[in-house]
Amino acid sequence: DDRPKPLIAVGGKTLLDHNLDRLAEAGIGTAIVNVHYLP
């Protein structure tokens, strides 16, 4: 109701950061993140 789902925390980390950390570990240099709700 007051925050976008990617910023919901699970295990002390937002869903979005879980994914971005995985990308960083894999050596991905750039991530495009699209936003719409509470951008």
PDB file of all heavy atoms in Angstrom:
ATOM      1  N   ASP A   1       0.823  -1.209   0.000  1.00  0.00           N
ATOM      2  CA  ASP A   1       0.000   0.000   0.000  1.00  0.00           C
ATOM      3  C   ASP A   1       0.861   1.265   0.000  1.00  0.00           C
ATOM      4  O   ASP A   1       0.477   2.285  -0.586  1.00  0.00           O
ATOM      5  CB  ASP A   1      -0.928   0.025   1.220  1.00  0.00           C
ATOM      6  CG  ASP A   1      -2.096  -0.938   1.081  1.00  0.00           C
ATOM      7  OD1 ASP A   1      -2.354  -1.408  -0.050  1.00  0.00           O
ATOM      8  OD2 ASP A   1      -2.744  -1.228   2.111  1.00  0.00           O
ATOM      9  N   ASP A   2       2.024   1.173   0.642  1.00  0.00           N
ATOM     10  CA  ASP A   2       2.858   2.375   0.759  1.00  0.00           C
ATOM     11  C   ASP A   2       4.286   2.179   0.261  1.00  0.00           C
ATOM     12  O   ASP A   2       5.141   3.025   0.476  1.00  0.00           O
ATOM     13  CB  ASP A   2       2.893   2.862   2.219  1.00  0.00           C
ATOM     14  CG  ASP A   2       3.453   1.812   3.175  1.00  0.00           C
ATOM     15  OD1 ASP A   2       3.759   0.675   2.724  1.00  0.00           O
ATOM     16  OD2 ASP A   2       3.574   2.117   4.372  1.00  0.00           O
ATOM     17  N   ARG A   3       4.557   1.044  -0.388  1.00  0.00           N
ATOM     18  CA  ARG A   3       5.898   0.831  -0.961  1.00  0.00           C
ATOM     19  C   ARG A   3       5.786  -0.151  -2.117  1.00  0.00           C
ATOM     20  O   ARG A   3       4.904  -1.019  -2.134  1.00  0.00           O
ATOM     21  CB  ARG A   3       6.872   0.302   0.096  1.00  0.00           C
ATOM     22  CG  ARG A   3       6.568  -1.097   0.573  1.00  0.00           C
ATOM     23  CD  ARG A   3       7.438  -1.514   1.740  1.00  0.00           C
ATOM     24  NE  ARG A   3       6.637  -2.002   2.824  1.00  0.00           N
ATOM     25  CZ  ARG A   3       7.100  -2.691   3.859  1.00  0.00           C
ATOM     26  NH1 ARG A   3       8.385  -2.949   3.936  1.00  0.00           N
ATOM     27  NH2 ARG A   3       6.295  -3.102   4.802  1.00  0.00           N
ATOM     28  N   PRO A   4       6.679  -0.046  -3.091  1.00  0.00           N
ATOM     29  CA  PRO A   4       6.644  -0.979  -4.222  1.00  0.00           C
ATOM     30  C   PRO A   4       7.154  -2.354  -3.798  1.00  0.00           C
ATOM     31  O   PRO A   4       8.002  -2.469  -2.907  1.00  0.00           O
ATOM     32  CB  PRO A   4       7.580  -0.328  -5.243  1.00  0.00           C
ATOM     33  CG  PRO A   4       8.492   0.529  -4.436  1.00  0.00           C
ATOM     34  CD  PRO A   4       7.722   0.975  -3.233  1.00  0.00           C
ATOM     35  N   LYS A   5       6.641  -3.386  -4.430  1.00  0.00           N
ATOM     36  CA  LYS A   5       7.003  -4.754  -4.052  1.00  0.00           C
ATOM     37  C   LYS A   5       8.511  -5.011  -4.099  1.00  0.00           C
ATOM     38  O   LYS A   5       9.031  -5.717  -3.221  1.00  0.00           O
ATOM     39  CB  LYS A   5       6.258  -5.769  -4.930  1.00  0.00           C
ATOM     40  CG  LYS A   5       6.541  -7.214  -4.531  1.00  0.00           C
ATOM     41  CD  LYS A   5       5.556  -8.195  -5.141  1.00  0.00           C
ATOM     42  CE  LYS A   5       5.629  -8.251  -6.634  1.00  0.00           C
ATOM     43  NZ  LYS A   5       4.821  -9.354  -7.194  1.00  0.00           N
ATOM     44  N   PRO A   6       9.260  -4.482  -5.079  1.00  0.00           N
ATOM     45  CA  PRO A   6      10.705  -4.755  -5.080  1.00  0.00           C
ATOM     46  C   PRO A   6      11.435  -4.284  -3.827  1.00  0.00           C
ATOM     47  O   PRO A   6      12.545  -4.745  -3.556  1.00  0.00           O
ATOM     48  CB  PRO A   6      11.195  -3.995  -6.317  1.00  0.00           C
ATOM     49  CG  PRO A   6      10.014  -3.950  -7.225  1.00  0.00           C
ATOM     50  CD  PRO A   6       8.838  -3.776  -6.306  1.00  0.00           C
ATOM     51  N   LEU A   7      10.818  -3.391  -3.057  1.00  0.00           N
ATOM     52  CA  LEU A   7      11.461  -2.904  -1.833  1.00  0.00           C
ATOM     53  C   LEU A   7      10.976  -3.621  -0.588  1.00  0.00           C
ATOM     54  O   LEU A   7      11.347  -3.257   0.534  1.00  0.00           O
ATOM     55  CB  LEU A   7      11.254  -1.393  -1.690  1.00  0.00           C
ATOM     56  CG  LEU A   7      11.903  -0.529  -2.780  1.00  0.00           C
ATOM     57  CD1 LEU A   7      11.799   0.947  -2.427  1.00  0.00           C
ATOM     58  CD2 LEU A   7      13.368  -0.918  -3.021  1.00  0.00           C
ATOM     59  N   ILE A   8      10.141  -4.662  -0.748  1.00  0.00           N
ATOM     60  CA  ILE A   8       9.795  -5.526   0.377  1.00  0.00           C
ATOM     61  C   ILE A   8      11.049  -6.295   0.786  1.00  0.00           C
ATOM     62  O   ILE A   8      11.771  -6.836  -0.056  1.00  0.00           O
ATOM     63  CB  ILE A   8       8.675  -6.516  -0.009  1.00  0.00           C
ATOM     64  CG1 ILE A   8       7.398  -5.768  -0.390  1.00  0.00           C
ATOM     65  CG2 ILE A   8       8.420  -7.516   1.102  1.00  0.00           C
ATOM     66  CD1 ILE A   8       6.708  -5.079   0.758  1.00  0.00           C
ATOM     67  N   ALA A   9      11.311  -6.346   2.085  1.00  0.00           N
ATOM     68  CA  ALA A   9      12.513  -7.028   2.575  1.00  0.00           C
ATOM     69  C   ALA A   9      12.206  -8.482   2.917  1.00  0.00           C
ATOM     70  O   ALA A   9      11.156  -8.799   3.470  1.00  0.00           O
ATOM     71  CB  ALA A   9      13.062  -6.318   3.799  1.00  0.00           C
ATOM     72  N   VAL A  10      13.138  -9.354   2.576  1.00  0.00           N
ATOM     73  CA  VAL A  10      13.078 -10.761   2.960  1.00  0.00           C
ATOM     74  C   VAL A  10      14.489 -11.169   3.351  1.00  0.00           C
ATOM     75  O   VAL A  10      15.444 -10.901   2.628  1.00  0.00           O
ATOM     76  CB  VAL A  10      12.518 -11.650   1.830  1.00  0.00           C
ATOM     77  CG1 VAL A  10      13.279 -11.474   0.547  1.00  0.00           C
ATOM     78  CG2 VAL A  10      12.505 -13.118   2.248  1.00  0.00           C
ATOM     79  N   GLY A  11      14.635 -11.754   4.526  1.00  0.00           N
ATOM     80  CA  GLY A  11      15.965 -12.110   5.001  1.00  0.00           C
ATOM     81  C   GLY A  11      16.852 -10.903   5.225  1.00  0.00           C
ATOM     82  O   GLY A  11      18.072 -10.975   5.056  1.00  0.00           O
ATOM     83  N   GLY A  12      16.253  -9.763   5.594  1.00  0.00           N
ATOM     84  CA  GLY A  12      17.030  -8.566   5.882  1.00  0.00           C
ATOM     85  C   GLY A  12      17.514  -7.798   4.669  1.00  0.00           C
ATOM     86  O   GLY A  12      18.321  -6.876   4.803  1.00  0.00           O
ATOM     87  N   LYS A  13      16.995  -8.133   3.492  1.00  0.00           N
ATOM     88  CA  LYS A  13      17.430  -7.474   2.258  1.00  0.00           C
ATOM     89  C   LYS A  13      16.236  -7.344   1.336  1.00  0.00           C
ATOM     90  O   LYS A  13      15.390  -8.240   1.273  1.00  0.00           O
ATOM     91  CB  LYS A  13      18.535  -8.312   1.586  1.00  0.00           C
ATOM     92  CG  LYS A  13      19.155  -7.697   0.353  1.00  0.00           C
ATOM     93  CD  LYS A  13      20.062  -8.690  -0.366  1.00  0.00           C
ATOM     94  CE  LYS A  13      21.227  -9.152   0.484  1.00  0.00           C
ATOM     95  NZ  LYS A  13      22.170  -9.990  -0.319  1.00  0.00           N
ATOM     96  N   THR A  14      16.143  -6.229   0.604  1.00  0.00           N
ATOM     97  CA  THR A  14      15.009  -6.073  -0.301  1.00  0.00           C
ATOM     98  C   THR A  14      15.091  -7.089  -1.438  1.00  0.00           C
ATOM     99  O   THR A  14      16.174  -7.548  -1.811  1.00  0.00           O
ATOM    100  CB  THR A  14      14.954  -4.664  -0.909  1.00  0.00           C
ATOM    101  OG1 THR A  14      16.040  -4.489  -1.829  1.00  0.00           O
ATOM    102  CG2 THR A  14      14.987  -3.588   0.165  1.00  0.00           C
ATOM    103  N   LEU A  15      13.908  -7.416  -1.979  1.00  0.00           N
ATOM    104  CA  LEU A  15      13.867  -8.311  -3.135  1.00  0.00           C
ATOM    105  C   LEU A  15      14.745  -7.780  -4.258  1.00  0.00           C
ATOM    106  O   LEU A  15      15.470  -8.539  -4.916  1.00  0.00           O
ATOM    107  CB  LEU A  15      12.427  -8.459  -3.621  1.00  0.00           C
ATOM    108  CG  LEU A  15      11.470  -9.213  -2.704  1.00  0.00           C
ATOM    109  CD1 LEU A  15      10.025  -9.012  -3.163  1.00  0.00           C
ATOM    110  CD2 LEU A  15      11.810 -10.695  -2.668  1.00  0.00           C
ATOM    111  N   LEU A  16      14.687  -6.476  -4.487  1.00  0.00           N
ATOM    112  CA  LEU A  16      15.478  -5.876  -5.554  1.00  0.00           C
ATOM    113  C   LEU A  16      16.970  -6.059  -5.313  1.00  0.00           C
ATOM    114  O   LEU A  16      17.724  -6.408  -6.236  1.00  0.00           O
ATOM    115  CB  LEU A  16      15.130  -4.392  -5.662  1.00  0.00           C
ATOM    116  CG  LEU A  16      15.783  -3.596  -6.795  1.00  0.00           C
ATOM    117  CD1 LEU A  16      15.530  -4.238  -8.148  1.00  0.00           C
ATOM    118  CD2 LEU A  16      15.266  -2.154  -6.780  1.00  0.00           C
ATOM    119  N   ASP A  17      17.414  -5.866  -4.079  1.00  0.00           N
ATOM    120  CA  ASP A  17      18.841  -6.025  -3.780  1.00  0.00           C
ATOM    121  C   ASP A  17      19.291  -7.480  -3.867  1.00  0.00           C
ATOM    122  O   ASP A  17      20.438  -7.750  -4.233  1.00  0.00           O
ATOM    123  CB  ASP A  17      19.159  -5.444  -2.401  1.00  0.00           C
ATOM    124  CG  ASP A  17      19.174  -3.925  -2.415  1.00  0.00           C
ATOM    125  OD1 ASP A  17      19.741  -3.343  -3.353  1.00  0.00           O
ATOM    126  OD2 ASP A  17      18.611  -3.308  -1.488  1.00  0.00           O
ATOM    127  N   HIS A  18      18.407  -8.415  -3.521  1.00  0.00           N
ATOM    128  CA  HIS A  18      18.751  -9.826  -3.725  1.00  0.00           C
ATOM    129  C   HIS A  18      19.143 -10.051  -5.195  1.00  0.00           C
ATOM    130  O   HIS A  18      20.157 -10.693  -5.493  1.00  0.00           O
ATOM    131  CB  HIS A  18      17.562 -10.728  -3.376  1.00  0.00           C
ATOM    132  CG  HIS A  18      17.442 -11.072  -1.928  1.00  0.00           C
ATOM    133  ND1 HIS A  18      18.267 -11.992  -1.306  1.00  0.00           N
ATOM    134  CD2 HIS A  18      16.586 -10.626  -0.967  1.00  0.00           C
ATOM    135  CE1 HIS A  18      17.931 -12.101  -0.034  1.00  0.00           C
ATOM    136  NE2 HIS A  18      16.910 -11.285   0.200  1.00  0.00           N
ATOM    137  N   ASN A  19      18.325  -9.529  -6.107  1.00  0.00           N
ATOM    138  CA  ASN A  19      18.587  -9.733  -7.530  1.00  0.00           C
ATOM    139  C   ASN A  19      19.818  -8.981  -8.009  1.00  0.00           C
ATOM    140  O   ASN A  19      20.637  -9.513  -8.771  1.00  0.00           O
ATOM    141  CB  ASN A  19      17.354  -9.313  -8.338  1.00  0.00           C
ATOM    142  CG  ASN A  19      16.254 -10.348  -8.311  1.00  0.00           C
ATOM    143  OD1 ASN A  19      16.308 -11.342  -9.025  1.00  0.00           O
ATOM    144  ND2 ASN A  19      15.253 -10.140  -7.475  1.00  0.00           N
ATOM    145  N   LEU A  20      19.969  -7.749  -7.587  1.00  0.00           N
ATOM    146  CA  LEU A  20      21.123  -6.959  -8.022  1.00  0.00           C
ATOM    147  C   LEU A  20      22.424  -7.533  -7.476  1.00  0.00           C
ATOM    148  O   LEU A  20      23.457  -7.509  -8.164  1.00  0.00           O
ATOM    149  CB  LEU A  20      20.938  -5.510  -7.595  1.00  0.00           C
ATOM    150  CG  LEU A  20      19.805  -4.770  -8.315  1.00  0.00           C
ATOM    151  CD1 LEU A  20      19.584  -3.400  -7.678  1.00  0.00           C
ATOM    152  CD2 LEU A  20      20.095  -4.625  -9.809  1.00  0.00           C
ATOM    153  N   ASP A  21      22.393  -8.067  -6.259  1.00  0.00           N
ATOM    154  CA  ASP A  21      23.596  -8.704  -5.719  1.00  0.00           C
ATOM    155  C   ASP A  21      23.971  -9.938  -6.526  1.00  0.00           C
ATOM    156  O   ASP A  21      25.165 -10.206  -6.759  1.00  0.00           O
ATOM    157  CB  ASP A  21      23.382  -9.081  -4.248  1.00  0.00           C
ATOM    158  CG  ASP A  21      23.381  -7.869  -3.322  1.00  0.00           C
ATOM    159  OD1 ASP A  21      23.751  -6.774  -3.772  1.00  0.00           O
ATOM    160  OD2 ASP A  21      22.994  -8.038  -2.144  1.00  0.00           O
ATOM    161  N   ARG A  22      22.971 -10.716  -6.970  1.00  0.00           N
ATOM    162  CA  ARG A  22      23.253 -11.881  -7.810  1.00  0.00           C
ATOM    163  C   ARG A  22      23.920 -11.438  -9.125  1.00  0.00           C
ATOM    164  O   ARG A  22      24.855 -12.076  -9.612  1.00  0.00           O
ATOM    165  CB  ARG A  22      21.963 -12.633  -8.134  1.00  0.00           C
ATOM    166  CG  ARG A  22      21.301 -13.312  -6.960  1.00  0.00           C
ATOM    167  CD  ARG A  22      22.100 -14.492  -6.469  1.00  0.00           C
ATOM    168  NE  ARG A  22      21.354 -15.293  -5.514  1.00  0.00           N
ATOM    169  CZ  ARG A  22      21.908 -16.031  -4.576  1.00  0.00           C
ATOM    170  NH1 ARG A  22      23.226 -16.051  -4.467  1.00  0.00           N
ATOM    171  NH2 ARG A  22      21.187 -16.744  -3.741  1.00  0.00           N
ATOM    172  N   LEU A  23      23.409 -10.361  -9.689  1.00  0.00           N
ATOM    173  CA  LEU A  23      23.984  -9.863 -10.943  1.00  0.00           C
ATOM    174  C   LEU A  23      25.420  -9.397 -10.731  1.00  0.00           C
ATOM    175  O   LEU A  23      26.298  -9.666 -11.565  1.00  0.00           O
ATOM    176  CB  LEU A  23      23.133  -8.719 -11.494  1.00  0.00           C
ATOM    177  CG  LEU A  23      21.749  -9.117 -12.002  1.00  0.00           C
ATOM    178  CD1 LEU A  23      20.942  -7.872 -12.361  1.00  0.00           C
ATOM    179  CD2 LEU A  23      21.850 -10.043 -13.213  1.00  0.00           C
ATOM    180  N   ALA A  24      25.673  -8.714  -9.638  1.00  0.00           N
ATOM    181  CA  ALA A  24      27.031  -8.260  -9.350  1.00  0.00           C
ATOM    182  C   ALA A  24      27.985  -9.436  -9.201  1.00  0.00           C
ATOM    183  O   ALA A  24      29.117  -9.424  -9.720  1.00  0.00           O
ATOM    184  CB  ALA A  24      27.039  -7.400  -8.089  1.00  0.00           C
ATOM    185  N   GLU A  25      27.526 -10.484  -8.504  1.00  0.00           N
ATOM    186  CA  GLU A  25      28.358 -11.683  -8.321  1.00  0.00           C
ATOM    187  C   GLU A  25      28.697 -12.340  -9.655  1.00  0.00           C
ATOM    188  O   GLU A  25      29.761 -12.943  -9.804  1.00  0.00           O
ATOM    189  CB  GLU A  25      27.632 -12.689  -7.435  1.00  0.00           C
ATOM    190  CG  GLU A  25      27.459 -12.263  -5.991  1.00  0.00           C
ATOM    191  CD  GLU A  25      26.467 -13.135  -5.233  1.00  0.00           C
ATOM    192  OE1 GLU A  25      25.899 -14.082  -5.837  1.00  0.00           O
ATOM    193  OE2 GLU A  25      26.243 -12.865  -4.037  1.00  0.00           O
ATOM    194  N   ALA A  26      27.778 -12.236 -10.619  1.00  0.00           N
ATOM    195  CA  ALA A  26      27.986 -12.848 -11.935  1.00  0.00           C
ATOM    196  C   ALA A  26      28.780 -11.957 -12.880  1.00  0.00           C
ATOM    197  O   ALA A  26      28.977 -12.310 -14.043  1.00  0.00           O
ATOM    198  CB  ALA A  26      26.638 -13.197 -12.565  1.00  0.00           C
ATOM    199  N   GLY A  27      29.218 -10.803 -12.406  1.00  0.00           N
ATOM    200  CA  GLY A  27      30.030  -9.933 -13.225  1.00  0.00           C
ATOM    201  C   GLY A  27      29.263  -9.045 -14.185  1.00  0.00           C
ATOM    202  O   GLY A  27      29.847  -8.508 -15.137  1.00  0.00           O
ATOM    203  N   ILE A  28      27.955  -8.886 -13.954  1.00  0.00           N
ATOM    204  CA  ILE A  28      27.152  -8.032 -14.814  1.00  0.00           C
ATOM    205  C   ILE A  28      27.461  -6.574 -14.491  1.00  0.00           C
ATOM    206  O   ILE A  28      27.334  -6.141 -13.334  1.00  0.00           O
ATOM    207  CB  ILE A  28      25.649  -8.315 -14.630  1.00  0.00           C
ATOM    208  CG1 ILE A  28      25.354  -9.797 -14.910  1.00  0.00           C
ATOM    209  CG2 ILE A  28      24.813  -7.410 -15.519  1.00  0.00           C
ATOM    210  CD1 ILE A  28      25.747 -10.269 -16.299  1.00  0.00           C
ATOM    211  N   GLY A  29      27.828  -5.800 -15.508  1.00  0.00           N
ATOM    212  CA  GLY A  29      28.265  -4.426 -15.272  1.00  0.00           C
ATOM    213  C   GLY A  29      27.146  -3.416 -15.183  1.00  0.00           C
ATOM    214  O   GLY A  29      27.256  -2.426 -14.458  1.00  0.00           O
ATOM    215  N   THR A  30      26.054  -3.647 -15.932  1.00  0.00           N
ATOM    216  CA  THR A  30      24.958  -2.682 -15.989  1.00  0.00           C
ATOM    217  C   THR A  30      23.628  -3.397 -15.850  1.00  0.00           C
ATOM    218  O   THR A  30      23.396  -4.419 -16.496  1.00  0.00           O
ATOM    219  CB  THR A  30      24.972  -1.910 -17.327  1.00  0.00           C
ATOM    220  OG1 THR A  30      26.208  -1.200 -17.448  1.00  0.00           O
ATOM    221  CG2 THR A  30      23.815  -0.923 -17.401  1.00  0.00           C
ATOM    222  N   ALA A  31      22.753  -2.843 -15.006  1.00  0.00           N
ATOM    223  CA  ALA A  31      21.396  -3.369 -14.852  1.00  0.00           C
ATOM    224  C   ALA A  31      20.398  -2.246 -15.097  1.00  0.00           C
ATOM    225  O   ALA A  31      20.471  -1.190 -14.460  1.00  0.00           O
ATOM    226  CB  ALA A  31      21.198  -3.954 -13.456  1.00  0.00           C
ATOM    227  N   ILE A  32      19.483  -2.466 -16.025  1.00  0.00           N
ATOM    228  CA  ILE A  32      18.394  -1.526 -16.271  1.00  0.00           C
ATOM    229  C   ILE A  32      17.217  -1.968 -15.416  1.00  0.00           C
ATOM    230  O   ILE A  32      16.792  -3.128 -15.472  1.00  0.00           O
ATOM    231  CB  ILE A  32      18.006  -1.501 -17.752  1.00  0.00           C
ATOM    232  CG1 ILE A  32      19.213  -1.095 -18.612  1.00  0.00           C
ATOM    233  CG2 ILE A  32      16.838  -0.548 -17.998  1.00  0.00           C
ATOM    234  CD1 ILE A  32      18.969  -1.187 -20.102  1.00  0.00           C
ATOM    235  N   VAL A  33      16.700  -1.061 -14.602  1.00  0.00           N
ATOM    236  CA  VAL A  33      15.583  -1.356 -13.704  1.00  0.00           C
ATOM    237  C   VAL A  33      14.396  -0.505 -14.139  1.00  0.00           C
ATOM    238  O   VAL A  33      14.495   0.730 -14.139  1.00  0.00           O
ATOM    239  CB  VAL A  33      15.959  -1.049 -12.236  1.00  0.00           C
ATOM    240  CG1 VAL A  33      14.780  -1.364 -11.314  1.00  0.00           C
ATOM    241  CG2 VAL A  33      17.194  -1.837 -11.816  1.00  0.00           C
ATOM    242  N   ASN A  34      13.291  -1.142 -14.507  1.00  0.00           N
ATOM    243  CA  ASN A  34      12.128  -0.341 -14.881  1.00  0.00           C
ATOM    244  C   ASN A  34      11.236  -0.098 -13.664  1.00  0.00           C
ATOM    245  O   ASN A  34      11.162  -0.922 -12.744  1.00  0.00           O
ATOM    246  CB  ASN A  34      11.353  -0.955 -16.057  1.00  0.00           C
ATOM    247  CG  ASN A  34      10.693  -2.277 -15.738  1.00  0.00           C
ATOM    248  OD1 ASN A  34      10.990  -2.940 -14.748  1.00  0.00           O
ATOM    249  ND2 ASN A  34       9.777  -2.687 -16.605  1.00  0.00           N
ATOM    250  N   VAL A  35      10.601   1.065 -13.636  1.00  0.00           N
ATOM    251  CA  VAL A  35       9.797   1.467 -12.483  1.00  0.00           C
ATOM    252  C   VAL A  35       8.472   2.050 -12.965  1.00  0.00           C
ATOM    253  O   VAL A  35       8.388   2.649 -14.039  1.00  0.00           O
ATOM    254  CB  VAL A  35      10.536   2.504 -11.607  1.00  0.00           C
ATOM    255  CG1 VAL A  35      11.795   1.902 -11.003  1.00  0.00           C
ATOM    256  CG2 VAL A  35      10.890   3.767 -12.402  1.00  0.00           C
ATOM    257  N   HIS A  36       7.427   1.858 -12.154  1.00  0.00           N
ATOM    258  CA  HIS A  36       6.113   2.429 -12.456  1.00  0.00           C
ATOM    259  C   HIS A  36       5.389   2.823 -11.171  1.00  0.00           C
ATOM    260  O   HIS A  36       5.072   3.988 -10.986  1.00  0.00           O
ATOM    261  CB  HIS A  36       5.265   1.428 -13.246  1.00  0.00           C
ATOM    262  CG  HIS A  36       3.856   1.879 -13.462  1.00  0.00           C
ATOM    263  ND1 HIS A  36       3.504   2.796 -14.427  1.00  0.00           N
ATOM    264  CD2 HIS A  36       2.696   1.560 -12.804  1.00  0.00           C
ATOM    265  CE1 HIS A  36       2.195   3.020 -14.375  1.00  0.00           C
ATOM    266  NE2 HIS A  36       1.682   2.285 -13.396  1.00  0.00           N
ATOM    267  N   TYR A  37       5.149   1.865 -10.293  1.00  0.00           N
ATOM    268  CA  TYR A  37       4.401   2.116  -9.056  1.00  0.00           C
ATOM    269  C   TYR A  37       5.340   2.658  -7.984  1.00  0.00           C
ATOM    270  O   TYR A  37       6.375   2.044  -7.694  1.00  0.00           O
ATOM    271  CB  TYR A  37       3.741   0.816  -8.599  1.00  0.00           C
ATOM    272  CG  TYR A  37       3.016   0.900  -7.282  1.00  0.00           C
ATOM    273  CD1 TYR A  37       1.930   1.749  -7.125  1.00  0.00           C
ATOM    274  CD2 TYR A  37       3.412   0.124  -6.205  1.00  0.00           C
ATOM    275  CE1 TYR A  37       1.250   1.828  -5.913  1.00  0.00           C
ATOM    276  CE2 TYR A  37       2.744   0.180  -4.996  1.00  0.00           C
ATOM    277  CZ  TYR A  37       1.666   1.046  -4.854  1.00  0.00           C
ATOM    278  OH  TYR A  37       1.008   1.109  -3.655  1.00  0.00           O
ATOM    279  N   LEU A  38       5.007   3.816  -7.413  1.00  0.00           N
ATOM    280  CA  LEU A  38       5.849   4.483  -6.415  1.00  0.00           C
ATOM    281  C   LEU A  38       7.310   4.504  -6.863  1.00  0.00           C
ATOM    282  O   LEU A  38       8.216   4.088  -6.131  1.00  0.00           O
ATOM    283  CB  LEU A  38       5.702   3.793  -5.049  1.00  0.00           C
ATOM    284  CG  LEU A  38       4.280   3.759  -4.473  1.00  0.00           C
ATOM    285  CD1 LEU A  38       4.249   2.928  -3.187  1.00  0.00           C
ATOM    286  CD2 LEU A  38       3.767   5.163  -4.210  1.00  0.00           C
ATOM    287  N   PRO A  39       7.555   5.006  -8.074  1.00  0.00           N
ATOM    288  CA  PRO A  39       8.888   4.906  -8.664  1.00  0.00           C
ATOM    289  C   PRO A  39       9.965   5.670  -7.907  1.00  0.00           C
ATOM    290  O   PRO A  39      11.125   5.242  -7.881  1.00  0.00           O
ATOM    291  CB  PRO A  39       8.694   5.473 -10.071  1.00  0.00           C
ATOM    292  CG  PRO A  39       7.533   6.408  -9.938  1.00  0.00           C
ATOM    293  CD  PRO A  39       6.622   5.747  -8.941  1.00  0.00           C
TER     294      PRO A  39
END
